[in-house]
Each structure stands twice: as structure tokens, then as C-alpha cells.
Amino acid sequence: MTRWKRLASLRRVFFDDPHTSLGGRPMQLLSQAATPDYADFPENARWSRGGFVFATTHIVGSANGTLVFEGRTPAHDAEVLRRTEAAVAWLDGTFAAARADSAAGVVIIAHGNVALETGGTWGEWGSEPYEPFVTALEKQVAGFPGPVLFVHGDSHEHRVDQPLRDSAGVVHANFTRLETFGSPDIGWVRVVVDTVGGRFLEFEPRLMRGWF
């Protein structure tokens, strides 16, 4: 089965109805599948809760899917460009919606570690697979008055920090990165949010034992 067939299968299983979440208490979602230009990305979703706007973006690890593998073709490169373009458009739209709704804060969720410390440059391979996304993120964070939380996985190191800087090297104080656990550690993180004051209060890691 090809990479695209696997992805198509995942979309059929998990995003058959892109406007409704999974889980015991489904939520209504706004999906990028509803936009004519990016109807093929149902996994990019958005919702609001407690005065905060949440969004998922299809940005993956392994240098955003640019690593060399046997059988790689120009079509794979085109997929990366198209997927990243869709993610950037969804990111920009999310912040536009947050400003229009006077949201207290924004939470962006992705898989890939987008190399925030280096502006999206993946130094080991000398490429810039995340640069368009990180550039857009930095611009939006700079123009947003509230707190922004970026949640990702990929590099298997739980951490909470503030690695996003502007072109002068100044840290964006309203931006926080939360990286979740990864193998061999399995766990989750409870985030406590002040919905009245519009801020993230606590990040409580919960490591689960006995999985391996």
C-alpha cells in the first residue's frame, strides 16, 4: 500500500465526517474540507472553547516528510509543498478568526517538531522544510495580543519552553511550546487554563508506566 493510500484510508476512518470530532462527547468542528481550495485536507480543523481558539494543522515530522527514501519521486515533493501551503493557509485563517472573535488565546496542534529554534531550518539535512510554517507562525504570534500555545510531538522529548523569536532574536513572550511525550516514555499533559484571565496556568505531565 502506498503512502497516499494509507493516508486516504486514515481520512476515511477518522475524518468521514470532518465537521464532527470523535470521542464520547463529539464537538462541532470547522474543517478546511469546507474550503474549495483545500477540500482534500479534512484533518485541518478548528473549534472554540472557553474563549480560546484551537486548530489542528497537518505538519509532520521527519523534516516535514522531506527525507530521502527508496522510491521517492517529484510527486512526493509536490505533496509536501501542497500540504504545507494548506497548513499555512489554515494557520493564518485561525488567527484571523481569533482576532475577529476577540479570542483570549490560540492553541495550534501539529505532529512535527518544526525547528522553532532555527526558524524552520532542519540543519542536519541543510534544508528548510518548516520555514514557511514557522515564518507564518511568527508573524501571527507577533500580531496577536493574547497567549499562543503550540503543541507538537515528533522528537519524543517532553518540554515546555518559549523558543520562538523575532528577526532580532527577541523572544515572543506570549508564545509557549508544549512538546508531548514519545517512545519510550508514554504519557500526556494536563493543561490548566484561566478562561477569565486568558492565560495558561499550569502544565502537568502525567507519565504512564508499564507500557513497554
C-alpha atoms as a PDB file:
ATOM      1  CA  MET A   1       0.000   0.000   0.000  1.00  0.00           C
ATOM      2  CA  THR A   2       1.422   3.406  -0.959  1.00  0.00           C
ATOM      3  CA  ARG A   3       1.771   6.354   1.403  1.00  0.00           C
ATOM      4  CA  TRP A   4      -1.157   8.078  -0.280  1.00  0.00           C
ATOM      5  CA  LYS A   5      -3.388   5.026   0.002  1.00  0.00           C
ATOM      6  CA  ARG A   6      -2.582   4.765   3.698  1.00  0.00           C
ATOM      7  CA  LEU A   7      -3.400   8.431   4.171  1.00  0.00           C
ATOM      8  CA  ALA A   8      -6.651   8.048   2.240  1.00  0.00           C
ATOM      9  CA  SER A   9      -7.587   5.124   4.483  1.00  0.00           C
ATOM     10  CA  LEU A  10      -6.884   7.161   7.620  1.00  0.00           C
ATOM     11  CA  ARG A  11      -9.003  10.002   6.321  1.00  0.00           C
ATOM     12  CA  ARG A  12     -11.896   7.649   5.603  1.00  0.00           C
ATOM     13  CA  VAL A  13     -11.725   6.131   9.074  1.00  0.00           C
ATOM     14  CA  PHE A  14     -11.118   9.205  11.220  1.00  0.00           C
ATOM     15  CA  PHE A  15     -12.489  12.064   9.130  1.00  0.00           C
ATOM     16  CA  ASP A  16     -15.512  10.540   7.454  1.00  0.00           C
ATOM     17  CA  ASP A  17     -17.472  13.455   8.941  1.00  0.00           C
ATOM     18  CA  PRO A  18     -14.869  16.238   9.100  1.00  0.00           C
ATOM     19  CA  HIS A  19     -17.273  18.612  10.842  1.00  0.00           C
ATOM     20  CA  THR A  20     -17.721  16.441  13.942  1.00  0.00           C
ATOM     21  CA  SER A  21     -14.991  15.275  16.308  1.00  0.00           C
ATOM     22  CA  LEU A  22     -14.506  11.756  17.592  1.00  0.00           C
ATOM     23  CA  GLY A  23     -14.857  10.848  21.265  1.00  0.00           C
ATOM     24  CA  GLY A  24     -17.611  10.243  23.774  1.00  0.00           C
ATOM     25  CA  ARG A  25     -18.791  13.853  23.605  1.00  0.00           C
ATOM     26  CA  PRO A  26     -18.354  14.917  19.970  1.00  0.00           C
ATOM     27  CA  MET A  27     -17.832  18.595  19.169  1.00  0.00           C
ATOM     28  CA  GLN A  28     -18.788  20.519  16.094  1.00  0.00           C
ATOM     29  CA  LEU A  29     -15.725  21.460  14.063  1.00  0.00           C
ATOM     30  CA  LEU A  30     -14.901  23.851  11.272  1.00  0.00           C
ATOM     31  CA  SER A  31     -12.880  21.845   8.746  1.00  0.00           C
ATOM     32  CA  GLN A  32     -10.630  23.001   5.938  1.00  0.00           C
ATOM     33  CA  ALA A  33     -12.517  20.437   3.860  1.00  0.00           C
ATOM     34  CA  ALA A  34     -15.234  23.096   3.576  1.00  0.00           C
ATOM     35  CA  THR A  35     -12.919  25.451   1.664  1.00  0.00           C
ATOM     36  CA  PRO A  36     -12.806  24.978  -2.127  1.00  0.00           C
ATOM     37  CA  ASP A  37      -9.033  25.393  -2.441  1.00  0.00           C
ATOM     38  CA  TYR A  38      -8.177  22.842   0.264  1.00  0.00           C
ATOM     39  CA  ALA A  39     -11.119  20.454   0.332  1.00  0.00           C
ATOM     40  CA  ASP A  40      -8.714  17.499   0.424  1.00  0.00           C
ATOM     41  CA  PHE A  41      -7.494  18.338   3.963  1.00  0.00           C
ATOM     42  CA  PRO A  42     -10.296  17.328   6.357  1.00  0.00           C
ATOM     43  CA  GLU A  43      -7.755  16.776   9.135  1.00  0.00           C
ATOM     44  CA  ASN A  44      -7.128  20.523   9.423  1.00  0.00           C
ATOM     45  CA  ALA A  45      -9.845  21.504  11.894  1.00  0.00           C
ATOM     46  CA  ARG A  46     -10.790  24.378  14.175  1.00  0.00           C
ATOM     47  CA  TRP A  47     -13.050  24.871  17.193  1.00  0.00           C
ATOM     48  CA  SER A  48     -13.541  27.267  20.102  1.00  0.00           C
ATOM     49  CA  ARG A  49     -13.883  26.582  23.800  1.00  0.00           C
ATOM     50  CA  GLY A  50     -13.599  28.752  26.895  1.00  0.00           C
ATOM     51  CA  GLY A  51     -12.700  31.817  24.875  1.00  0.00           C
ATOM     52  CA  PHE A  52      -9.763  30.079  23.173  1.00  0.00           C
ATOM     53  CA  VAL A  53      -9.499  29.035  19.524  1.00  0.00           C
ATOM     54  CA  PHE A  54      -7.984  25.597  18.817  1.00  0.00           C
ATOM     55  CA  ALA A  55      -6.710  24.330  15.473  1.00  0.00           C
ATOM     56  CA  THR A  56      -5.049  21.215  14.094  1.00  0.00           C
ATOM     57  CA  THR A  57      -2.563  21.511  11.224  1.00  0.00           C
ATOM     58  CA  HIS A  58      -1.168  18.693   9.091  1.00  0.00           C
ATOM     59  CA  ILE A  59       2.547  19.307   9.622  1.00  0.00           C
ATOM     60  CA  VAL A  60       4.507  16.091  10.121  1.00  0.00           C
ATOM     61  CA  GLY A  61       7.889  15.033  11.446  1.00  0.00           C
ATOM     62  CA  SER A  62      10.883  13.622   9.547  1.00  0.00           C
ATOM     63  CA  ALA A  63      11.751  17.083   8.228  1.00  0.00           C
ATOM     64  CA  ASN A  64       8.132  17.617   7.172  1.00  0.00           C
ATOM     65  CA  GLY A  65       8.196  14.474   5.083  1.00  0.00           C
ATOM     66  CA  THR A  66      11.195  15.568   3.008  1.00  0.00           C
ATOM     67  CA  LEU A  67      13.654  12.835   3.981  1.00  0.00           C
ATOM     68  CA  VAL A  68      15.012  10.710   1.163  1.00  0.00           C
ATOM     69  CA  PHE A  69      13.660   7.174   0.867  1.00  0.00           C
ATOM     70  CA  GLU A  70      13.719   4.478  -1.786  1.00  0.00           C
ATOM     71  CA  GLY A  71      11.147   5.217  -4.442  1.00  0.00           C
ATOM     72  CA  ARG A  72      10.780   8.920  -3.690  1.00  0.00           C
ATOM     73  CA  THR A  73       9.525  10.874  -6.709  1.00  0.00           C
ATOM     74  CA  PRO A  74       8.748  14.517  -7.564  1.00  0.00           C
ATOM     75  CA  ALA A  75       5.151  13.737  -6.648  1.00  0.00           C
ATOM     76  CA  HIS A  76       6.221  13.279  -3.030  1.00  0.00           C
ATOM     77  CA  ASP A  77       7.901  16.690  -3.080  1.00  0.00           C
ATOM     78  CA  ALA A  78       4.774  18.235  -4.567  1.00  0.00           C
ATOM     79  CA  GLU A  79       2.717  16.689  -1.772  1.00  0.00           C
ATOM     80  CA  VAL A  80       4.916  18.356   0.844  1.00  0.00           C
ATOM     81  CA  LEU A  81       4.526  21.763  -0.794  1.00  0.00           C
ATOM     82  CA  ARG A  82       0.768  21.387  -1.169  1.00  0.00           C
ATOM     83  CA  ARG A  83       0.265  20.131   2.394  1.00  0.00           C
ATOM     84  CA  THR A  84       2.429  22.893   3.861  1.00  0.00           C
ATOM     85  CA  GLU A  85       0.592  25.507   1.821  1.00  0.00           C
ATOM     86  CA  ALA A  86      -2.706  24.225   3.201  1.00  0.00           C
ATOM     87  CA  ALA A  87      -1.367  24.270   6.767  1.00  0.00           C
ATOM     88  CA  VAL A  88      -0.141  27.854   6.434  1.00  0.00           C
ATOM     89  CA  ALA A  89      -3.480  28.960   5.000  1.00  0.00           C
ATOM     90  CA  TRP A  90      -5.282  27.258   7.886  1.00  0.00           C
ATOM     91  CA  LEU A  91      -2.912  28.813  10.419  1.00  0.00           C
ATOM     92  CA  ASP A  92      -3.495  32.295   9.006  1.00  0.00           C
ATOM     93  CA  GLY A  93      -7.246  31.715   8.951  1.00  0.00           C
ATOM     94  CA  THR A  94      -7.206  30.549  12.552  1.00  0.00           C
ATOM     95  CA  PHE A  95      -5.582  33.724  13.801  1.00  0.00           C
ATOM     96  CA  ALA A  96      -7.911  35.826  11.659  1.00  0.00           C
ATOM     97  CA  ALA A  97     -10.863  34.057  13.280  1.00  0.00           C
ATOM     98  CA  ALA A  98      -9.358  34.531  16.744  1.00  0.00           C
ATOM     99  CA  ARG A  99      -8.949  38.260  16.196  1.00  0.00           C
ATOM    100  CA  ALA A 100     -12.447  38.596  14.734  1.00  0.00           C
ATOM    101  CA  ASP A 101     -13.930  36.825  17.761  1.00  0.00           C
ATOM    102  CA  SER A 102     -11.711  38.679  20.266  1.00  0.00           C
ATOM    103  CA  ALA A 103     -10.484  35.290  21.477  1.00  0.00           C
ATOM    104  CA  ALA A 104      -8.449  35.206  24.670  1.00  0.00           C
ATOM    105  CA  GLY A 105      -5.842  32.867  23.175  1.00  0.00           C
ATOM    106  CA  VAL A 106      -4.946  30.402  20.447  1.00  0.00           C
ATOM    107  CA  VAL A 107      -3.821  26.761  20.589  1.00  0.00           C
ATOM    108  CA  ILE A 108      -2.182  25.232  17.492  1.00  0.00           C
ATOM    109  CA  ILE A 109      -1.631  21.468  17.337  1.00  0.00           C
ATOM    110  CA  ALA A 110       0.633  19.568  14.930  1.00  0.00           C
ATOM    111  CA  HIS A 111       2.773  16.440  14.868  1.00  0.00           C
ATOM    112  CA  GLY A 112       6.110  17.739  13.622  1.00  0.00           C
ATOM    113  CA  ASN A 113       8.826  19.430  15.643  1.00  0.00           C
ATOM    114  CA  VAL A 114       9.062  22.431  13.324  1.00  0.00           C
ATOM    115  CA  ALA A 115      12.543  23.560  14.431  1.00  0.00           C
ATOM    116  CA  LEU A 116      11.351  26.748  16.117  1.00  0.00           C
ATOM    117  CA  GLU A 117      14.837  27.454  17.435  1.00  0.00           C
ATOM    118  CA  THR A 118      16.213  27.792  13.895  1.00  0.00           C
ATOM    119  CA  GLY A 119      13.284  29.344  12.075  1.00  0.00           C
ATOM    120  CA  GLY A 120      12.223  26.081  10.488  1.00  0.00           C
ATOM    121  CA  THR A 121      15.651  25.063   9.180  1.00  0.00           C
ATOM    122  CA  TRP A 122      16.440  21.392   9.671  1.00  0.00           C
ATOM    123  CA  GLY A 123      20.205  21.758   9.947  1.00  0.00           C
ATOM    124  CA  GLU A 124      21.118  18.078   9.822  1.00  0.00           C
ATOM    125  CA  TRP A 125      19.894  17.905   6.231  1.00  0.00           C
ATOM    126  CA  GLY A 126      20.640  21.515   5.299  1.00  0.00           C
ATOM    127  CA  SER A 127      17.046  22.105   4.277  1.00  0.00           C
ATOM    128  CA  GLU A 128      14.251  24.407   5.374  1.00  0.00           C
ATOM    129  CA  PRO A 129      11.216  22.111   5.401  1.00  0.00           C
ATOM    130  CA  TYR A 130       9.350  24.061   8.062  1.00  0.00           C
ATOM    131  CA  GLU A 131      10.362  27.607   7.142  1.00  0.00           C
ATOM    132  CA  PRO A 132       7.030  28.636   5.523  1.00  0.00           C
ATOM    133  CA  PHE A 133       5.060  27.415   8.528  1.00  0.00           C
ATOM    134  CA  VAL A 134       7.384  28.920  11.146  1.00  0.00           C
ATOM    135  CA  THR A 135       7.535  32.250   9.300  1.00  0.00           C
ATOM    136  CA  ALA A 136       3.743  32.412   9.215  1.00  0.00           C
ATOM    137  CA  LEU A 137       3.525  31.373  12.868  1.00  0.00           C
ATOM    138  CA  GLU A 138       5.997  34.031  13.996  1.00  0.00           C
ATOM    139  CA  LYS A 139       4.135  36.715  12.043  1.00  0.00           C
ATOM    140  CA  GLN A 140       0.792  35.729  13.521  1.00  0.00           C
ATOM    141  CA  VAL A 141       2.115  35.475  17.079  1.00  0.00           C
ATOM    142  CA  ALA A 142       3.683  38.933  16.763  1.00  0.00           C
ATOM    143  CA  GLY A 143       0.344  40.403  15.721  1.00  0.00           C
ATOM    144  CA  PHE A 144      -1.826  38.642  18.286  1.00  0.00           C
ATOM    145  CA  PRO A 145      -2.337  40.231  21.726  1.00  0.00           C
ATOM    146  CA  GLY A 146      -3.127  37.049  23.657  1.00  0.00           C
ATOM    147  CA  PRO A 147      -1.213  33.898  24.586  1.00  0.00           C
ATOM    148  CA  VAL A 148      -0.437  31.287  21.943  1.00  0.00           C
ATOM    149  CA  LEU A 149       0.292  27.631  22.707  1.00  0.00           C
ATOM    150  CA  PHE A 150       1.879  25.383  20.081  1.00  0.00           C
ATOM    151  CA  VAL A 151       1.546  21.661  20.861  1.00  0.00           C
ATOM    152  CA  HIS A 152       3.585  19.070  18.974  1.00  0.00           C
ATOM    153  CA  GLY A 153       5.315  15.717  19.278  1.00  0.00           C
ATOM    154  CA  ASP A 154       7.852  14.081  16.946  1.00  0.00           C
ATOM    155  CA  SER A 155      11.162  14.343  18.817  1.00  0.00           C
ATOM    156  CA  HIS A 156       9.985  12.356  21.877  1.00  0.00           C
ATOM    157  CA  GLU A 157      11.096  14.904  24.479  1.00  0.00           C
ATOM    158  CA  HIS A 158       8.541  16.375  26.847  1.00  0.00           C
ATOM    159  CA  ARG A 159       9.206  20.064  27.396  1.00  0.00           C
ATOM    160  CA  VAL A 160       7.534  23.412  27.954  1.00  0.00           C
ATOM    161  CA  ASP A 161       9.514  26.438  26.785  1.00  0.00           C
ATOM    162  CA  GLN A 162       9.495  29.631  24.723  1.00  0.00           C
ATOM    163  CA  PRO A 163      11.746  29.076  21.693  1.00  0.00           C
ATOM    164  CA  LEU A 164      10.065  31.410  19.187  1.00  0.00           C
ATOM    165  CA  ARG A 165      11.986  34.611  18.442  1.00  0.00           C
ATOM    166  CA  ASP A 166      11.581  37.516  16.067  1.00  0.00           C
ATOM    167  CA  SER A 167      14.116  38.532  13.420  1.00  0.00           C
ATOM    168  CA  ALA A 168      16.088  40.485  16.036  1.00  0.00           C
ATOM    169  CA  GLY A 169      16.331  37.440  18.289  1.00  0.00           C
ATOM    170  CA  VAL A 170      13.821  38.710  20.840  1.00  0.00           C
ATOM    171  CA  VAL A 171      11.672  36.024  22.461  1.00  0.00           C
ATOM    172  CA  HIS A 172       7.926  36.241  21.854  1.00  0.00           C
ATOM    173  CA  ALA A 173       6.728  36.354  25.461  1.00  0.00           C
ATOM    174  CA  ASN A 174       3.155  35.433  24.515  1.00  0.00           C
ATOM    175  CA  PHE A 175       4.217  32.163  22.866  1.00  0.00           C
ATOM    176  CA  THR A 176       4.688  28.804  24.593  1.00  0.00           C
ATOM    177  CA  ARG A 177       5.683  25.474  23.078  1.00  0.00           C
ATOM    178  CA  LEU A 178       4.468  22.225  24.637  1.00  0.00           C
ATOM    179  CA  GLU A 179       6.032  19.033  23.327  1.00  0.00           C
ATOM    180  CA  THR A 180       4.302  15.849  24.388  1.00  0.00           C
ATOM    181  CA  PHE A 181       5.844  12.537  25.386  1.00  0.00           C
ATOM    182  CA  GLY A 182       7.130   9.983  22.883  1.00  0.00           C
ATOM    183  CA  SER A 183       8.551   6.468  22.932  1.00  0.00           C
ATOM    184  CA  PRO A 184       9.902   5.010  25.158  1.00  0.00           C
ATOM    185  CA  ASP A 185       8.006   7.355  27.511  1.00  0.00           C
ATOM    186  CA  ILE A 186       4.235   7.325  27.156  1.00  0.00           C
ATOM    187  CA  GLY A 187       2.134   9.963  28.813  1.00  0.00           C
ATOM    188  CA  TRP A 188       0.008  13.028  28.465  1.00  0.00           C
ATOM    189  CA  VAL A 189      -0.030  16.590  29.743  1.00  0.00           C
ATOM    190  CA  ARG A 190      -2.855  18.289  31.612  1.00  0.00           C
ATOM    191  CA  VAL A 191      -3.026  21.991  30.767  1.00  0.00           C
ATOM    192  CA  VAL A 192      -4.838  24.278  33.209  1.00  0.00           C
ATOM    193  CA  VAL A 193      -6.276  27.365  31.527  1.00  0.00           C
ATOM    194  CA  ASP A 194      -7.628  30.543  33.094  1.00  0.00           C
ATOM    195  CA  THR A 195     -10.549  31.272  30.779  1.00  0.00           C
ATOM    196  CA  VAL A 196     -11.343  34.520  32.597  1.00  0.00           C
ATOM    197  CA  GLY A 197      -7.842  35.964  32.605  1.00  0.00           C
ATOM    198  CA  GLY A 198      -6.935  34.368  29.272  1.00  0.00           C
ATOM    199  CA  ARG A 199      -3.743  32.565  30.217  1.00  0.00           C
ATOM    200  CA  PHE A 200      -2.207  29.130  30.585  1.00  0.00           C
ATOM    201  CA  LEU A 201      -1.701  28.479  34.291  1.00  0.00           C
ATOM    202  CA  GLU A 202      -0.126  25.047  34.616  1.00  0.00           C
ATOM    203  CA  PHE A 203       1.341  22.212  32.561  1.00  0.00           C
ATOM    204  CA  GLU A 204       1.110  18.949  34.489  1.00  0.00           C
ATOM    205  CA  PRO A 205       2.909  15.953  32.893  1.00  0.00           C
ATOM    206  CA  ARG A 206       1.340  12.563  33.538  1.00  0.00           C
ATOM    207  CA  LEU A 207       3.737   9.742  32.692  1.00  0.00           C
ATOM    208  CA  MET A 208       2.171   6.314  32.245  1.00  0.00           C
ATOM    209  CA  ARG A 209       4.186   3.324  33.427  1.00  0.00           C
ATOM    210  CA  GLY A 210       4.300  -0.268  32.262  1.00  0.00           C
ATOM    211  CA  TRP A 211       3.593   0.207  28.558  1.00  0.00           C
ATOM    212  CA  PHE A 212       6.808  -1.437  27.351  1.00  0.00           C
END
